[in-house]
Amino acid sequence: MKKTILLLAFMMSLTSLTSCKMIKSETKQDVVLTGTEWVLVSIGDRKFEKLEGMRAETIGLSFLEDSFGSSDGCNGLGGTFKQDGHNIEMTNIRSTRMYCKDIMDKLYNIPFMSVTSFEVKNNELKLLDASKKVVATFKKK
C-alpha cells in the first residue's frame, strides 16, 4: 500500500512538471523569420491597394537564409538581414531601377533601413522602428 501511494505521488509530480513545461513552451514566442513569406497590408497608416500598372497583385516580403526580398510595386528590392530574437537589422538594401509609367509617385516605399525590431501576432508581422512605431504590416502568405 505504501509503495502504491509513493508511486501515485511520484506520477502526479511528473504530470505537474510536464504540464508546467507545456504551458511554458506554448507561450514562448520565438519567431524565426528565415523561410517565411508575407504579403503587405500597410505602410504606416497607408493601406495597400493594387496600383493600376503594377505587375503583381500584391507586394510580398520573403526571408531566406540571411537575405530578404520585396518590391515597391514596380522595382524588385532586397538586402541582408540579421535577427536576434525580436530585433532585426536590415542592411545592404538594393533595388532595380525600372521606370513604371503613371505610378512612380505612388509606389510603396517601405523604409527597411529604419526597421530595428518586429513582432508577430495573429499571423501578422509588424516591422517597428527604434521608437516602436509600426513601419509596415504584413500578413502571413
Foldseek 3Di string as FASTA:
>chain_A
DVVVVVVVVVVVVVVVVVVVVVVVVVPDDQDDQAPFKWWFQAFQPGGDDQDVQQPDRTWMWHHHPFKIWTQFSHKIKIAGWDDDRFFMAGDPIDIDDDDGPPCPVPTRDQPRRQFTGWDADPQKIFTAGPVRRTRTIIGTD
